[in-house]
């Protein structure tokens, strides 16, 4: 069986700091250089914000992995075409199963960041992805809050073994400086419990100082709620 390697919203540069200033310096170093990624089968990009859609990552990655496809919503596709990625590499994130290669397919679902938004053609501006690899499904939420239409989509597409969920909650002070927050830790855990997944991987909590959640907070909420799934934090992936 061939190796299937998927990258989700890869951000491996310091582009956000260069665009937004030193308060958005990376707190976590890039684990590798984009041009060293020669094994990608698929890249999914959830939306156009630069910490998710990073041409400084995606262009060298695409060059190093010439067979990789990029599934993304229309605003991302426009930006990547303008940046120099060939149209043939891009797959629009329509709300149906997209077959990538044998054993790998992806189903875009809505994301609410802050709201579920659509282009004039009806396509989603912000998406999450249910990714099926050799019959097993995971969910990469992108940036989102909890929304009934997302819960309904995940129920329809279940069972989902693992969910990668953002936990950098929306709050007054983040709103005031223009940071669009996502679900809280409790929202994420409740969403996962309702969806019946087996493992939750919290994300979007440790990259930028203004947008961080502490690992201790995540562990404390998990310990006290005692939800019916396993918790996997980043060091556990190494």
C-alpha atoms as a PDB file:
ATOM      1  CA  UNK A   1       0.000   0.000   0.000  1.00  0.00           C
ATOM      2  CA  UNK A   2       1.433   3.391  -0.974  1.00  0.00           C
ATOM      3  CA  UNK A   3       2.295   5.986   1.650  1.00  0.00           C
ATOM      4  CA  UNK A   4      -0.322   8.714   1.999  1.00  0.00           C
ATOM      5  CA  UNK A   5       0.917  11.952   3.542  1.00  0.00           C
ATOM      6  CA  UNK A   6      -1.387  14.905   4.205  1.00  0.00           C
ATOM      7  CA  UNK A   7      -0.364  18.374   5.372  1.00  0.00           C
ATOM      8  CA  UNK A   8      -3.028  20.579   6.959  1.00  0.00           C
ATOM      9  CA  UNK A   9      -2.657  24.384   6.858  1.00  0.00           C
ATOM     10  CA  UNK A  10       1.146  24.204   6.902  1.00  0.00           C
ATOM     11  CA  UNK A  11       2.807  27.379   8.229  1.00  0.00           C
ATOM     12  CA  UNK A  12       6.588  27.072   8.132  1.00  0.00           C
ATOM     13  CA  UNK A  13       7.772  30.657   7.673  1.00  0.00           C
ATOM     14  CA  UNK A  14       7.683  33.946   9.589  1.00  0.00           C
ATOM     15  CA  UNK A  15       5.293  35.603   7.143  1.00  0.00           C
ATOM     16  CA  UNK A  16       2.765  36.689   9.792  1.00  0.00           C
ATOM     17  CA  UNK A  17       5.447  38.493  11.770  1.00  0.00           C
ATOM     18  CA  UNK A  18       6.632  40.272   8.624  1.00  0.00           C
ATOM     19  CA  UNK A  19       3.068  41.305   7.771  1.00  0.00           C
ATOM     20  CA  UNK A  20       1.766  42.137  11.265  1.00  0.00           C
ATOM     21  CA  UNK A  21       4.813  43.021  13.366  1.00  0.00           C
ATOM     22  CA  UNK A  22       6.930  41.550  16.179  1.00  0.00           C
ATOM     23  CA  UNK A  23       3.964  40.694  18.416  1.00  0.00           C
ATOM     24  CA  UNK A  24       3.299  37.892  15.931  1.00  0.00           C
ATOM     25  CA  UNK A  25       6.729  36.323  16.096  1.00  0.00           C
ATOM     26  CA  UNK A  26       6.598  32.534  16.165  1.00  0.00           C
ATOM     27  CA  UNK A  27       6.711  31.000  19.638  1.00  0.00           C
ATOM     28  CA  UNK A  28       7.202  27.550  18.104  1.00  0.00           C
ATOM     29  CA  UNK A  29      10.054  27.128  15.603  1.00  0.00           C
ATOM     30  CA  UNK A  30       9.255  25.641  12.229  1.00  0.00           C
ATOM     31  CA  UNK A  31      10.003  21.899  12.465  1.00  0.00           C
ATOM     32  CA  UNK A  32      11.398  21.761   8.925  1.00  0.00           C
ATOM     33  CA  UNK A  33      11.912  23.860   5.825  1.00  0.00           C
ATOM     34  CA  UNK A  34       9.064  23.866   3.263  1.00  0.00           C
ATOM     35  CA  UNK A  35      11.435  22.895   0.465  1.00  0.00           C
ATOM     36  CA  UNK A  36      12.342  19.728   2.374  1.00  0.00           C
ATOM     37  CA  UNK A  37       8.778  18.390   2.137  1.00  0.00           C
ATOM     38  CA  UNK A  38       9.083  15.949  -0.737  1.00  0.00           C
ATOM     39  CA  UNK A  39       6.503  13.406   0.443  1.00  0.00           C
ATOM     40  CA  UNK A  40       3.188  15.295   0.287  1.00  0.00           C
ATOM     41  CA  UNK A  41       0.259  13.527  -1.308  1.00  0.00           C
ATOM     42  CA  UNK A  42      -2.249  16.193  -0.345  1.00  0.00           C
ATOM     43  CA  UNK A  43      -2.245  19.656   1.220  1.00  0.00           C
ATOM     44  CA  UNK A  44      -5.473  21.106   2.592  1.00  0.00           C
ATOM     45  CA  UNK A  45      -5.766  24.833   3.221  1.00  0.00           C
ATOM     46  CA  UNK A  46      -8.800  25.937   5.204  1.00  0.00           C
ATOM     47  CA  UNK A  47      -8.876  29.685   4.517  1.00  0.00           C
ATOM     48  CA  UNK A  48      -6.883  32.650   3.289  1.00  0.00           C
ATOM     49  CA  UNK A  49      -5.487  34.040   6.569  1.00  0.00           C
ATOM     50  CA  UNK A  50      -1.672  34.026   6.369  1.00  0.00           C
ATOM     51  CA  UNK A  51      -1.043  31.652   9.282  1.00  0.00           C
ATOM     52  CA  UNK A  52      -3.069  29.051   7.357  1.00  0.00           C
ATOM     53  CA  UNK A  53      -2.472  30.027   3.733  1.00  0.00           C
ATOM     54  CA  UNK A  54       1.221  30.863   3.514  1.00  0.00           C
ATOM     55  CA  UNK A  55       2.703  31.193   0.012  1.00  0.00           C
ATOM     56  CA  UNK A  56       6.192  31.210   1.543  1.00  0.00           C
ATOM     57  CA  UNK A  57       5.453  27.651   2.672  1.00  0.00           C
ATOM     58  CA  UNK A  58       3.187  26.422  -0.104  1.00  0.00           C
ATOM     59  CA  UNK A  59       5.292  27.417  -3.123  1.00  0.00           C
ATOM     60  CA  UNK A  60       8.488  25.568  -2.092  1.00  0.00           C
ATOM     61  CA  UNK A  61       6.398  22.686  -0.747  1.00  0.00           C
ATOM     62  CA  UNK A  62       4.581  22.364  -4.071  1.00  0.00           C
ATOM     63  CA  UNK A  63       7.884  22.439  -5.942  1.00  0.00           C
ATOM     64  CA  UNK A  64       9.401  19.745  -3.715  1.00  0.00           C
ATOM     65  CA  UNK A  65       6.260  17.543  -3.893  1.00  0.00           C
ATOM     66  CA  UNK A  66       5.270  17.877  -7.568  1.00  0.00           C
ATOM     67  CA  UNK A  67       2.497  15.270  -7.386  1.00  0.00           C
ATOM     68  CA  UNK A  68       0.743  16.852  -4.395  1.00  0.00           C
ATOM     69  CA  UNK A  69      -2.720  18.363  -4.842  1.00  0.00           C
ATOM     70  CA  UNK A  70      -3.949  21.361  -2.838  1.00  0.00           C
ATOM     71  CA  UNK A  71      -7.610  21.406  -1.775  1.00  0.00           C
ATOM     72  CA  UNK A  72      -8.749  24.881  -0.789  1.00  0.00           C
ATOM     73  CA  UNK A  73     -11.636  27.362  -0.954  1.00  0.00           C
ATOM     74  CA  UNK A  74     -11.887  29.887  -3.770  1.00  0.00           C
ATOM     75  CA  UNK A  75     -10.115  32.855  -2.056  1.00  0.00           C
ATOM     76  CA  UNK A  76      -7.118  30.607  -1.339  1.00  0.00           C
ATOM     77  CA  UNK A  77      -7.090  29.295  -4.913  1.00  0.00           C
ATOM     78  CA  UNK A  78      -7.026  32.863  -6.243  1.00  0.00           C
ATOM     79  CA  UNK A  79      -4.098  33.808  -4.008  1.00  0.00           C
ATOM     80  CA  UNK A  80      -2.105  30.687  -4.843  1.00  0.00           C
ATOM     81  CA  UNK A  81      -2.660  31.117  -8.583  1.00  0.00           C
ATOM     82  CA  UNK A  82      -1.425  34.728  -8.281  1.00  0.00           C
ATOM     83  CA  UNK A  83       1.570  33.456  -6.301  1.00  0.00           C
ATOM     84  CA  UNK A  84       2.572  31.072  -9.073  1.00  0.00           C
ATOM     85  CA  UNK A  85       1.052  27.673  -8.286  1.00  0.00           C
ATOM     86  CA  UNK A  86      -0.415  26.022 -11.368  1.00  0.00           C
ATOM     87  CA  UNK A  87      -4.195  25.787 -11.674  1.00  0.00           C
ATOM     88  CA  UNK A  88      -3.868  22.031 -12.270  1.00  0.00           C
ATOM     89  CA  UNK A  89      -2.514  21.567  -8.727  1.00  0.00           C
ATOM     90  CA  UNK A  90      -5.563  23.216  -7.088  1.00  0.00           C
ATOM     91  CA  UNK A  91      -8.854  21.510  -6.194  1.00  0.00           C
ATOM     92  CA  UNK A  92     -11.767  23.703  -5.129  1.00  0.00           C
ATOM     93  CA  UNK A  93     -13.179  22.782  -1.718  1.00  0.00           C
ATOM     94  CA  UNK A  94     -16.731  21.956  -2.755  1.00  0.00           C
ATOM     95  CA  UNK A  95     -19.027  20.204  -0.273  1.00  0.00           C
ATOM     96  CA  UNK A  96     -18.691  16.677  -1.615  1.00  0.00           C
ATOM     97  CA  UNK A  97     -16.178  13.856  -1.430  1.00  0.00           C
ATOM     98  CA  UNK A  98     -13.067  14.645  -3.486  1.00  0.00           C
ATOM     99  CA  UNK A  99     -11.021  11.637  -4.572  1.00  0.00           C
ATOM    100  CA  UNK A 100      -7.308  12.460  -4.504  1.00  0.00           C
ATOM    101  CA  UNK A 101      -5.589   9.098  -5.075  1.00  0.00           C
ATOM    102  CA  UNK A 102      -6.684   5.534  -4.305  1.00  0.00           C
ATOM    103  CA  UNK A 103      -7.154   5.265  -0.555  1.00  0.00           C
ATOM    104  CA  UNK A 104      -7.336   9.016   0.045  1.00  0.00           C
ATOM    105  CA  UNK A 105     -10.289  11.354  -0.244  1.00  0.00           C
ATOM    106  CA  UNK A 106     -11.384  14.547   1.473  1.00  0.00           C
ATOM    107  CA  UNK A 107     -14.765  16.093   2.264  1.00  0.00           C
ATOM    108  CA  UNK A 108     -14.809  19.858   2.906  1.00  0.00           C
ATOM    109  CA  UNK A 109     -17.309  20.976   5.555  1.00  0.00           C
ATOM    110  CA  UNK A 110     -18.295  24.471   6.740  1.00  0.00           C
ATOM    111  CA  UNK A 111     -16.249  26.467   9.233  1.00  0.00           C
ATOM    112  CA  UNK A 112     -17.596  29.439  11.201  1.00  0.00           C
ATOM    113  CA  UNK A 113     -14.833  32.044  11.469  1.00  0.00           C
ATOM    114  CA  UNK A 114     -16.682  34.095  12.945  1.00  0.00           C
ATOM    115  CA  UNK A 115     -19.558  33.080  10.717  1.00  0.00           C
ATOM    116  CA  UNK A 116     -20.174  30.640   7.895  1.00  0.00           C
ATOM    117  CA  UNK A 117     -19.506  32.767   4.817  1.00  0.00           C
ATOM    118  CA  UNK A 118     -19.974  31.992   1.132  1.00  0.00           C
ATOM    119  CA  UNK A 119     -18.765  33.396  -2.153  1.00  0.00           C
ATOM    120  CA  UNK A 120     -21.244  34.645  -4.780  1.00  0.00           C
ATOM    121  CA  UNK A 121     -21.094  31.209  -6.414  1.00  0.00           C
ATOM    122  CA  UNK A 122     -22.220  29.618  -3.140  1.00  0.00           C
ATOM    123  CA  UNK A 123     -18.868  28.053  -2.262  1.00  0.00           C
ATOM    124  CA  UNK A 124     -17.554  28.293   1.272  1.00  0.00           C
ATOM    125  CA  UNK A 125     -14.942  30.921   2.198  1.00  0.00           C
ATOM    126  CA  UNK A 126     -13.811  29.062   5.355  1.00  0.00           C
ATOM    127  CA  UNK A 127     -13.757  25.293   5.558  1.00  0.00           C
ATOM    128  CA  UNK A 128     -12.768  22.332   7.657  1.00  0.00           C
ATOM    129  CA  UNK A 129     -11.951  18.913   6.229  1.00  0.00           C
ATOM    130  CA  UNK A 130     -12.919  15.341   6.944  1.00  0.00           C
ATOM    131  CA  UNK A 131     -10.002  13.349   5.575  1.00  0.00           C
ATOM    132  CA  UNK A 132     -10.400   9.634   4.864  1.00  0.00           C
ATOM    133  CA  UNK A 133      -7.210   7.611   4.540  1.00  0.00           C
ATOM    134  CA  UNK A 134      -7.562   3.905   3.854  1.00  0.00           C
ATOM    135  CA  UNK A 135     -11.080   3.948   5.294  1.00  0.00           C
ATOM    136  CA  UNK A 136     -10.253   5.823   8.532  1.00  0.00           C
ATOM    137  CA  UNK A 137     -11.493   9.367   9.069  1.00  0.00           C
ATOM    138  CA  UNK A 138     -10.085  12.391  10.862  1.00  0.00           C
ATOM    139  CA  UNK A 139     -11.399  15.958  11.052  1.00  0.00           C
ATOM    140  CA  UNK A 140      -9.238  19.055  10.657  1.00  0.00           C
ATOM    141  CA  UNK A 141     -11.406  21.987  11.721  1.00  0.00           C
ATOM    142  CA  UNK A 142      -9.305  24.858  10.398  1.00  0.00           C
ATOM    143  CA  UNK A 143     -10.425  27.987  12.244  1.00  0.00           C
ATOM    144  CA  UNK A 144     -13.977  27.709  13.526  1.00  0.00           C
ATOM    145  CA  UNK A 145     -16.452  28.131  16.323  1.00  0.00           C
ATOM    146  CA  UNK A 146     -19.099  25.542  17.060  1.00  0.00           C
ATOM    147  CA  UNK A 147     -22.106  25.736  14.739  1.00  0.00           C
ATOM    148  CA  UNK A 148     -25.118  23.469  14.302  1.00  0.00           C
ATOM    149  CA  UNK A 149     -24.410  22.951  10.596  1.00  0.00           C
ATOM    150  CA  UNK A 150     -20.894  21.743  11.424  1.00  0.00           C
ATOM    151  CA  UNK A 151     -22.205  19.341  14.046  1.00  0.00           C
ATOM    152  CA  UNK A 152     -24.742  18.033  11.533  1.00  0.00           C
ATOM    153  CA  UNK A 153     -22.067  17.505   8.879  1.00  0.00           C
ATOM    154  CA  UNK A 154     -19.812  15.637  11.312  1.00  0.00           C
ATOM    155  CA  UNK A 155     -22.690  13.438  12.446  1.00  0.00           C
ATOM    156  CA  UNK A 156     -23.435  12.557   8.830  1.00  0.00           C
ATOM    157  CA  UNK A 157     -19.778  11.818   8.080  1.00  0.00           C
ATOM    158  CA  UNK A 158     -19.008   9.824  11.233  1.00  0.00           C
ATOM    159  CA  UNK A 159     -17.527   7.854  12.743  1.00  0.00           C
ATOM    160  CA  UNK A 160     -14.495  10.121  12.979  1.00  0.00           C
ATOM    161  CA  UNK A 161     -11.532   8.730  14.880  1.00  0.00           C
ATOM    162  CA  UNK A 162      -9.660  11.949  15.678  1.00  0.00           C
ATOM    163  CA  UNK A 163     -10.485  15.653  15.641  1.00  0.00           C
ATOM    164  CA  UNK A 164      -7.960  18.470  15.327  1.00  0.00           C
ATOM    165  CA  UNK A 165      -9.741  21.408  16.984  1.00  0.00           C
ATOM    166  CA  UNK A 166      -8.696  25.038  17.602  1.00  0.00           C
ATOM    167  CA  UNK A 167      -8.977  26.149  21.222  1.00  0.00           C
ATOM    168  CA  UNK A 168      -7.887  29.817  21.078  1.00  0.00           C
ATOM    169  CA  UNK A 169     -11.191  31.163  22.285  1.00  0.00           C
ATOM    170  CA  UNK A 170     -12.880  34.350  21.102  1.00  0.00           C
ATOM    171  CA  UNK A 171     -12.867  37.077  23.753  1.00  0.00           C
ATOM    172  CA  UNK A 172     -13.283  40.830  24.073  1.00  0.00           C
ATOM    173  CA  UNK A 173      -9.586  41.653  24.138  1.00  0.00           C
ATOM    174  CA  UNK A 174      -8.747  39.551  21.094  1.00  0.00           C
ATOM    175  CA  UNK A 175     -11.663  41.063  19.208  1.00  0.00           C
ATOM    176  CA  UNK A 176     -10.406  44.528  20.135  1.00  0.00           C
ATOM    177  CA  UNK A 177      -7.062  43.988  18.401  1.00  0.00           C
ATOM    178  CA  UNK A 178      -8.617  42.256  15.392  1.00  0.00           C
ATOM    179  CA  UNK A 179      -7.888  38.644  16.307  1.00  0.00           C
ATOM    180  CA  UNK A 180     -10.721  36.371  15.238  1.00  0.00           C
ATOM    181  CA  UNK A 181     -10.873  33.748  17.959  1.00  0.00           C
ATOM    182  CA  UNK A 182     -12.231  30.247  17.699  1.00  0.00           C
ATOM    183  CA  UNK A 183     -13.969  27.869  20.082  1.00  0.00           C
ATOM    184  CA  UNK A 184     -12.965  27.628  23.719  1.00  0.00           C
ATOM    185  CA  UNK A 185     -11.425  24.526  25.245  1.00  0.00           C
ATOM    186  CA  UNK A 186     -14.819  23.585  26.709  1.00  0.00           C
ATOM    187  CA  UNK A 187     -16.574  24.155  23.370  1.00  0.00           C
ATOM    188  CA  UNK A 188     -14.018  21.986  21.612  1.00  0.00           C
ATOM    189  CA  UNK A 189     -14.327  19.180  24.145  1.00  0.00           C
ATOM    190  CA  UNK A 190     -18.145  19.319  24.080  1.00  0.00           C
ATOM    191  CA  UNK A 191     -18.117  19.240  20.284  1.00  0.00           C
ATOM    192  CA  UNK A 192     -15.838  16.214  20.272  1.00  0.00           C
ATOM    193  CA  UNK A 193     -17.902  14.405  22.902  1.00  0.00           C
ATOM    194  CA  UNK A 194     -21.136  15.013  21.005  1.00  0.00           C
ATOM    195  CA  UNK A 195     -19.516  13.818  17.773  1.00  0.00           C
ATOM    196  CA  UNK A 196     -18.257  10.629  19.413  1.00  0.00           C
ATOM    197  CA  UNK A 197     -14.644  10.834  18.295  1.00  0.00           C
ATOM    198  CA  UNK A 198     -11.931   8.821  20.003  1.00  0.00           C
ATOM    199  CA  UNK A 199      -9.090  11.360  20.169  1.00  0.00           C
ATOM    200  CA  UNK A 200      -8.871  15.159  20.307  1.00  0.00           C
ATOM    201  CA  UNK A 201      -5.755  17.044  19.212  1.00  0.00           C
ATOM    202  CA  UNK A 202      -5.994  20.695  20.364  1.00  0.00           C
ATOM    203  CA  UNK A 203      -4.445  23.199  17.963  1.00  0.00           C
ATOM    204  CA  UNK A 204      -4.045  26.925  17.360  1.00  0.00           C
ATOM    205  CA  UNK A 205      -2.960  27.557  20.947  1.00  0.00           C
ATOM    206  CA  UNK A 206       0.819  28.003  21.021  1.00  0.00           C
ATOM    207  CA  UNK A 207       2.042  29.867  17.920  1.00  0.00           C
ATOM    208  CA  UNK A 208       1.535  33.563  18.767  1.00  0.00           C
ATOM    209  CA  UNK A 209       1.656  35.303  22.148  1.00  0.00           C
ATOM    210  CA  UNK A 210      -1.526  37.343  21.594  1.00  0.00           C
ATOM    211  CA  UNK A 211      -3.445  34.234  20.622  1.00  0.00           C
ATOM    212  CA  UNK A 212      -2.207  31.579  23.017  1.00  0.00           C
ATOM    213  CA  UNK A 213      -3.802  29.171  25.458  1.00  0.00           C
ATOM    214  CA  UNK A 214      -1.609  27.425  27.988  1.00  0.00           C
ATOM    215  CA  UNK A 215      -1.099  23.681  27.910  1.00  0.00           C
ATOM    216  CA  UNK A 216      -1.876  23.607  31.638  1.00  0.00           C
ATOM    217  CA  UNK A 217      -5.321  25.081  30.932  1.00  0.00           C
ATOM    218  CA  UNK A 218      -6.092  22.407  28.352  1.00  0.00           C
ATOM    219  CA  UNK A 219      -4.947  19.609  30.649  1.00  0.00           C
ATOM    220  CA  UNK A 220      -6.874  21.014  33.633  1.00  0.00           C
ATOM    221  CA  UNK A 221     -10.147  21.253  31.711  1.00  0.00           C
ATOM    222  CA  UNK A 222      -9.644  17.748  30.341  1.00  0.00           C
ATOM    223  CA  UNK A 223      -8.875  16.351  33.788  1.00  0.00           C
ATOM    224  CA  UNK A 224     -11.900  17.999  35.414  1.00  0.00           C
ATOM    225  CA  UNK A 225     -14.427  17.293  32.659  1.00  0.00           C
ATOM    226  CA  UNK A 226     -13.170  13.718  32.160  1.00  0.00           C
ATOM    227  CA  UNK A 227     -14.621  13.539  28.625  1.00  0.00           C
ATOM    228  CA  UNK A 228     -15.039  10.242  26.720  1.00  0.00           C
ATOM    229  CA  UNK A 229     -12.050  10.638  24.405  1.00  0.00           C
ATOM    230  CA  UNK A 230      -8.264  10.609  24.569  1.00  0.00           C
ATOM    231  CA  UNK A 231      -6.330  13.894  24.564  1.00  0.00           C
ATOM    232  CA  UNK A 232      -3.201  14.214  22.440  1.00  0.00           C
ATOM    233  CA  UNK A 233      -1.043  17.323  22.809  1.00  0.00           C
ATOM    234  CA  UNK A 234       1.748  18.272  20.415  1.00  0.00           C
ATOM    235  CA  UNK A 235       4.727  16.722  22.223  1.00  0.00           C
ATOM    236  CA  UNK A 236       2.855  13.427  22.202  1.00  0.00           C
ATOM    237  CA  UNK A 237       3.049  13.472  18.405  1.00  0.00           C
ATOM    238  CA  UNK A 238       6.851  13.505  18.311  1.00  0.00           C
END
